[in-house]
Amino acid sequence: MKPTLGASTLLDRLSHKRCDPDFLASLQLAAEARFVVLIGLKPVIVSNEARNEAAIRWFTPADLRRLELSDQDVLFLGVDRQSGAGHFALSLTEHRASLVRGATEHLRPLVDLRTIATQGIMSESEVALIGKAKSLAAWHDTARCCGHCGGVTTVKDGGWKRKCWACGHQFFPRIDPVVIMLVSDGERCVLAHEPHFPEGMFSTIAGFIEPGEDVDHAVRREAFEELGVDVGEVRYLTTQPWPFPHSLMIGCVAFTQSGPLKTDPAEIAEARWFDRDDCRTLLAGAHPEGLWVPGRQAIAHSLIKAFVGGGALLKI
């Protein structure tokens, strides 16, 4: 099963139309246009009284006018596949939102994306859509000035490009590739507890791909640096966008020989070998030591679940 932060199926991105400002303007001004509002990168949502169901709160152009929210530099998310209505994201700072009349009534509740995904109270397509909006908004927050000449950059192509007004340099949304790997000897796998993890949580190891590396090399380097093991074969399983703020997780299985682990204490507080029965109890939340693994929204969960299933990709 794919984790819940994968690509949303709700909207057609229409990437070939982003460079047409007249087309985007017509979508944006239409009465059927819809806007998701992010405040401090947290989406405004609606939920039931029990708070066990939630959805994106979509604002209309009339809603934005009533709240006196500017729709300048909104981010184009795509069009509804059935109605053709344009959907956009509007990102505000917490300070700007606090100045909005009726903010308490109309711009609440705010819930961070990680909590929404973890609780499983929103459809997977809407979670993925918020992830796209958040990742774009986070990139814009850090790309306001040109890294080439220091000039101010302006938003282009519906938020999918920025251009320096001074030197003309163009910038595109940032994606950081990350390898996340289940290290296994075929019968057992290694799960680790990092110093910043919540108490009792064990997961697969991960690390950023460095310049000049391919996926296999990055997997082998990270496994040796963090666990002290030499990896032979590397097999690719799946990928997951991870908008915290803009990573692409590349899930792999890394095969090694069984043996002692030599962890880097700066990166890993504890690492252990777990067999399939151990992993079943971890996934069920029934480990006798109270250990647990990330929820189904995370690619680590999918890797561990695949190991428990024992498919052909998980066997030497």
Protein backbone atom coordinates (compact mmCIF):
# COMPACT_ATOMS: atom_id res chain seq x y z
CA MET A 1 0.00 0.00 0.00
CA LYS A 2 1.19 3.47 -0.85
CA PRO A 3 1.59 5.83 2.13
CA THR A 4 -0.98 8.61 2.45
CA LEU A 5 1.16 11.56 1.34
CA GLY A 6 1.40 10.47 -2.29
CA ALA A 7 0.12 12.42 -5.28
CA SER A 8 -3.49 13.57 -5.04
CA THR A 9 -5.95 12.39 -7.68
CA LEU A 10 -8.44 15.21 -7.05
CA LEU A 11 -6.91 17.76 -9.42
CA ASP A 12 -5.31 17.87 -12.86
CA ARG A 13 -2.10 19.90 -12.43
CA LEU A 14 -2.28 21.24 -16.01
CA SER A 15 1.45 21.91 -15.92
CA HIS A 16 1.45 22.90 -19.61
CA LYS A 17 -0.91 25.82 -18.85
CA ARG A 18 0.96 27.34 -15.90
CA CYS A 19 2.86 29.77 -18.12
CA ASP A 20 -0.38 31.25 -19.50
CA PRO A 21 -1.21 34.18 -17.17
CA ASP A 22 -4.52 34.93 -18.89
CA PHE A 23 -5.69 31.35 -18.43
CA LEU A 24 -4.74 31.34 -14.74
CA ALA A 25 -6.38 34.74 -14.20
CA SER A 26 -9.63 33.52 -15.73
CA LEU A 27 -9.63 30.49 -13.43
CA GLN A 28 -8.82 32.60 -10.41
CA LEU A 29 -11.58 35.16 -11.02
CA ALA A 30 -14.29 32.61 -11.72
CA ALA A 31 -16.99 32.22 -9.08
CA GLU A 32 -16.33 28.47 -8.91
CA ALA A 33 -12.63 28.94 -8.05
CA ARG A 34 -11.60 27.49 -4.71
CA PHE A 35 -8.76 28.42 -2.36
CA VAL A 36 -7.15 26.52 0.51
CA VAL A 37 -5.70 28.91 3.10
CA LEU A 38 -2.45 28.09 4.91
CA ILE A 39 -1.50 30.06 8.01
CA GLY A 40 2.02 29.47 9.21
CA LEU A 41 1.96 26.51 6.75
CA LYS A 42 -1.01 24.99 8.61
CA PRO A 43 -4.24 24.51 6.61
CA VAL A 44 -7.62 25.85 7.63
CA ILE A 45 -9.91 22.81 7.87
CA VAL A 46 -13.45 21.86 8.83
CA SER A 47 -14.20 18.97 11.18
CA ASN A 48 -17.13 17.32 12.93
CA GLU A 49 -17.87 17.74 16.64
CA ALA A 50 -16.08 14.51 17.54
CA ARG A 51 -12.98 15.72 15.62
CA ASN A 52 -12.62 12.31 14.02
CA GLU A 53 -13.44 13.51 10.49
CA ALA A 54 -11.96 16.49 8.69
CA ALA A 55 -11.73 18.07 5.27
CA ILE A 56 -10.09 21.05 3.61
CA ARG A 57 -12.04 24.25 4.09
CA TRP A 58 -12.31 25.65 0.59
CA PHE A 59 -12.78 29.43 0.28
CA THR A 60 -14.52 31.07 -2.67
CA PRO A 61 -13.41 34.34 -4.30
CA ALA A 62 -16.33 36.00 -2.47
CA ASP A 63 -15.04 34.62 0.85
CA LEU A 64 -11.62 36.15 0.21
CA ARG A 65 -13.14 39.53 -0.62
CA ARG A 66 -15.29 39.45 2.50
CA LEU A 67 -12.23 38.70 4.63
CA GLU A 68 -10.21 41.30 2.70
CA LEU A 69 -7.62 38.70 1.76
CA SER A 70 -5.59 39.49 -1.35
CA ASP A 71 -5.49 36.74 -3.94
CA GLN A 72 -2.26 38.10 -5.41
CA ASP A 73 0.54 35.54 -5.76
CA VAL A 74 -1.74 32.60 -4.99
CA LEU A 75 -0.36 29.19 -5.88
CA PHE A 76 -2.05 27.22 -8.65
CA LEU A 77 -2.77 23.65 -7.57
CA GLY A 78 -4.74 22.47 -10.60
CA VAL A 79 -8.29 22.12 -11.87
CA ASP A 80 -11.06 19.82 -10.74
CA ARG A 81 -11.12 16.86 -13.10
CA GLN A 82 -14.90 16.97 -13.44
CA SER A 83 -15.94 20.64 -13.17
CA GLY A 84 -12.76 22.28 -14.45
CA ALA A 85 -12.80 24.74 -11.53
CA GLY A 86 -9.42 26.19 -10.64
CA HIS A 87 -8.01 25.38 -7.20
CA PHE A 88 -5.38 27.54 -5.52
CA ALA A 89 -3.47 27.91 -2.25
CA LEU A 90 -3.09 31.14 -0.32
CA SER A 91 -0.30 31.21 2.25
CA LEU A 92 -0.40 33.75 5.10
CA THR A 93 1.89 34.43 8.03
CA GLU A 94 0.37 34.09 11.49
CA HIS A 95 0.78 37.84 11.97
CA ARG A 96 -1.09 38.66 8.75
CA ALA A 97 -3.88 36.25 9.65
CA SER A 98 -4.27 37.78 13.11
CA LEU A 99 -5.20 41.11 11.46
CA VAL A 100 -8.08 39.59 9.49
CA ARG A 101 -11.52 40.60 10.72
CA GLY A 102 -13.34 37.46 11.80
CA ALA A 103 -10.15 35.39 11.83
CA THR A 104 -11.21 33.43 14.90
CA GLU A 105 -14.44 32.41 13.20
CA HIS A 106 -13.33 31.89 9.62
CA LEU A 107 -9.63 30.97 9.82
CA ARG A 108 -9.90 28.20 12.38
CA PRO A 109 -9.24 25.46 13.18
CA LEU A 110 -5.63 25.15 12.09
CA VAL A 111 -3.97 21.74 12.26
CA ASP A 112 -0.46 20.91 11.09
CA LEU A 113 -0.17 18.41 8.25
CA ARG A 114 1.77 15.81 10.22
CA THR A 115 -1.02 15.61 12.80
CA ILE A 116 -3.69 15.35 10.11
CA ALA A 117 -1.85 12.53 8.35
CA THR A 118 -1.09 10.69 11.59
CA GLN A 119 -4.66 10.82 12.86
CA GLY A 120 -6.10 9.57 9.57
CA ILE A 121 -9.12 11.88 9.82
CA MET A 122 -8.92 13.27 6.27
CA SER A 123 -9.08 11.57 2.88
CA GLU A 124 -5.74 10.56 1.44
CA SER A 125 -6.29 12.72 -1.66
CA GLU A 126 -6.91 15.84 0.43
CA VAL A 127 -3.90 15.10 2.66
CA ALA A 128 -1.75 14.81 -0.47
CA LEU A 129 -3.20 18.05 -1.82
CA ILE A 130 -2.32 19.91 1.39
CA GLY A 131 1.14 18.41 1.20
CA LYS A 132 1.61 19.86 -2.28
CA ALA A 133 0.38 23.28 -1.16
CA LYS A 134 2.57 23.27 1.95
CA SER A 135 5.68 22.22 0.05
CA LEU A 136 5.19 24.99 -2.51
CA ALA A 137 4.47 27.62 0.15
CA ALA A 138 7.52 26.62 2.18
CA TRP A 139 9.73 26.98 -0.91
CA HIS A 140 8.38 30.46 -1.62
CA ASP A 141 9.14 31.51 1.96
CA THR A 142 12.85 30.82 1.39
CA ALA A 143 13.21 31.91 -2.25
CA ARG A 144 12.25 35.58 -2.06
CA CYS A 145 15.77 36.77 -2.91
CA CYS A 146 18.01 35.72 -5.77
CA GLY A 147 20.90 33.51 -4.75
CA HIS A 148 22.85 34.75 -7.78
CA CYS A 149 22.73 38.55 -7.38
CA GLY A 150 20.65 39.19 -4.26
CA GLY A 151 17.76 40.84 -6.12
CA VAL A 152 14.11 40.32 -5.24
CA THR A 153 12.38 37.44 -7.03
CA THR A 154 8.81 37.53 -8.25
CA VAL A 155 6.23 34.77 -8.56
CA LYS A 156 5.67 33.30 -12.02
CA ASP A 157 3.75 30.41 -13.59
CA GLY A 158 1.09 30.23 -10.89
CA GLY A 159 3.68 29.79 -8.17
CA TRP A 160 5.73 27.10 -9.90
CA LYS A 161 8.61 29.46 -10.73
CA ARG A 162 10.26 32.60 -9.36
CA LYS A 163 12.29 35.03 -11.45
CA CYS A 164 14.80 37.64 -10.34
CA TRP A 165 13.77 41.10 -11.52
CA ALA A 166 17.44 42.22 -11.64
CA CYS A 167 19.41 39.48 -13.40
CA GLY A 168 16.60 37.35 -14.81
CA HIS A 169 17.72 34.16 -13.07
CA GLN A 170 14.90 31.62 -12.73
CA PHE A 171 14.21 29.37 -9.75
CA PHE A 172 11.99 26.31 -9.49
CA PRO A 173 10.45 24.50 -6.50
CA ARG A 174 13.04 22.66 -4.49
CA ILE A 175 12.92 18.89 -4.00
CA ASP A 176 15.40 17.13 -1.70
CA PRO A 177 15.88 13.42 -2.57
CA VAL A 178 16.22 11.19 0.49
CA VAL A 179 16.97 7.47 0.61
CA ILE A 180 15.07 5.57 3.29
CA MET A 181 16.05 1.96 3.62
CA LEU A 182 15.10 -1.25 5.34
CA VAL A 183 18.41 -2.96 6.09
CA SER A 184 17.85 -6.73 6.07
CA ASP A 185 19.68 -10.06 6.04
CA GLY A 186 16.64 -11.67 4.41
CA GLU A 187 15.13 -12.98 7.64
CA ARG A 188 15.54 -9.99 9.94
CA CYS A 189 15.66 -6.24 9.52
CA VAL A 190 17.29 -3.39 11.38
CA LEU A 191 15.16 -0.69 13.00
CA ALA A 192 16.63 2.22 14.90
CA HIS A 193 15.70 4.85 17.48
CA GLU A 194 17.12 8.27 16.72
CA PRO A 195 17.80 10.76 19.54
CA HIS A 196 15.00 13.11 18.42
CA PHE A 197 12.36 10.35 18.10
CA PRO A 198 9.51 10.08 20.60
CA GLU A 199 10.12 7.52 23.34
CA GLY A 200 9.81 3.95 22.13
CA MET A 201 9.63 4.72 18.41
CA PHE A 202 11.82 2.65 16.09
CA SER A 203 12.01 3.16 12.34
CA THR A 204 14.08 2.53 9.24
CA ILE A 205 17.16 4.67 8.65
CA ALA A 206 17.29 7.48 6.10
CA GLY A 207 19.58 10.15 4.72
CA PHE A 208 19.86 12.80 2.04
CA ILE A 209 21.42 11.93 -1.31
CA GLU A 210 24.57 13.98 -1.73
CA PRO A 211 25.82 15.63 -4.96
CA GLY A 212 27.42 13.09 -7.29
CA GLU A 213 25.67 10.09 -5.71
CA ASP A 214 23.17 7.68 -7.17
CA VAL A 215 20.53 5.96 -5.04
CA ASP A 216 22.52 2.76 -4.50
CA HIS A 217 25.63 4.60 -3.35
CA ALA A 218 23.66 6.78 -0.95
CA VAL A 219 21.99 3.71 0.58
CA ARG A 220 25.33 1.98 1.11
CA ARG A 221 26.97 5.10 2.55
CA GLU A 222 24.15 5.83 4.99
CA ALA A 223 23.96 2.20 6.16
CA PHE A 224 27.69 2.13 6.86
CA GLU A 225 27.76 5.55 8.54
CA GLU A 226 24.77 4.98 10.80
CA LEU A 227 24.85 1.22 11.43
CA GLY A 228 28.39 0.15 10.54
CA VAL A 229 27.19 -2.49 8.05
CA ASP A 230 28.35 -3.18 4.51
CA VAL A 231 25.42 -3.34 2.09
CA GLY A 232 25.53 -5.45 -1.04
CA GLU A 233 22.43 -5.51 -3.19
CA VAL A 234 20.02 -2.58 -3.11
CA ARG A 235 16.45 -2.96 -4.34
CA TYR A 236 14.03 -0.10 -4.98
CA LEU A 237 10.48 -0.47 -3.61
CA THR A 238 8.54 2.79 -3.72
CA THR A 239 8.67 6.57 -3.31
CA GLN A 240 6.78 9.13 -1.26
CA PRO A 241 6.70 12.93 -1.33
CA TRP A 242 7.36 14.15 2.21
CA PRO A 243 6.46 17.84 2.55
CA PHE A 244 8.47 18.55 5.71
CA PRO A 245 9.25 20.76 3.99
CA HIS A 246 10.05 19.39 0.50
CA SER A 247 11.66 15.95 0.43
CA LEU A 248 11.14 12.99 -1.88
CA MET A 249 11.61 9.74 0.03
CA ILE A 250 13.04 6.89 -2.06
CA GLY A 251 12.26 3.60 -0.33
CA CYS A 252 14.73 0.74 -0.73
CA VAL A 253 15.71 -2.60 0.75
CA ALA A 254 19.43 -2.90 1.52
CA PHE A 255 20.78 -6.42 1.95
CA THR A 256 23.66 -7.13 4.31
CA GLN A 257 25.09 -10.02 6.31
CA SER A 258 23.73 -10.61 9.80
CA GLY A 259 26.03 -9.41 12.54
CA PRO A 260 26.66 -6.82 15.24
CA LEU A 261 25.73 -3.21 14.60
CA LYS A 262 28.14 -0.31 15.15
CA THR A 263 25.96 2.75 15.42
CA ASP A 264 26.91 6.40 15.18
CA PRO A 265 25.70 7.80 18.55
CA ALA A 266 25.21 11.25 17.03
CA GLU A 267 22.66 9.78 14.62
CA ILE A 268 21.36 6.61 16.29
CA ALA A 269 20.56 6.18 19.98
CA GLU A 270 19.80 2.47 19.60
CA ALA A 271 19.46 -0.04 16.76
CA ARG A 272 18.30 -3.65 16.84
CA TRP A 273 17.66 -6.62 14.60
CA PHE A 274 13.95 -7.56 14.43
CA ASP A 275 12.49 -10.71 12.88
CA ARG A 276 9.14 -10.82 11.11
CA ASP A 277 7.21 -11.80 14.24
CA ASP A 278 8.77 -8.84 16.07
CA CYS A 279 7.71 -6.53 13.25
CA ARG A 280 4.17 -7.86 13.30
CA THR A 281 3.85 -6.91 16.96
CA LEU A 282 5.34 -3.49 16.22
CA LEU A 283 2.84 -2.84 13.42
CA ALA A 284 0.00 -4.00 15.68
CA GLY A 285 1.15 -1.75 18.52
CA ALA A 286 1.52 -4.75 20.79
CA HIS A 287 5.27 -5.00 21.37
CA PRO A 288 5.97 -6.24 24.95
CA GLU A 289 8.48 -3.42 25.56
CA GLY A 290 6.08 -0.75 24.36
CA LEU A 291 8.09 -0.13 21.19
CA TRP A 292 6.26 1.20 18.13
CA VAL A 293 6.81 2.25 14.53
CA PRO A 294 5.58 5.18 12.41
CA GLY A 295 1.95 5.07 11.26
CA ARG A 296 0.68 4.18 7.83
CA GLN A 297 1.16 7.76 6.58
CA ALA A 298 4.94 7.16 6.56
CA ILE A 299 6.93 5.26 3.97
CA ALA A 300 8.83 3.55 6.82
CA HIS A 301 5.56 1.83 7.78
CA SER A 302 5.15 0.59 4.21
CA LEU A 303 8.70 -0.78 4.13
CA ILE A 304 8.23 -2.64 7.41
CA LYS A 305 4.86 -3.96 6.28
CA ALA A 306 6.40 -5.20 3.03
CA PHE A 307 9.11 -6.99 5.03
CA VAL A 308 6.49 -8.72 7.16
CA GLY A 309 4.67 -9.81 3.99
CA GLY A 310 7.86 -11.46 2.77
CA GLY A 311 7.36 -10.77 -0.94
CA ALA A 312 9.94 -11.65 -3.58
CA LEU A 313 11.57 -8.21 -3.35
CA LEU A 314 12.32 -8.82 0.31
CA LYS A 315 14.16 -12.12 -0.16
CA ILE A 316 17.81 -12.58 -1.00
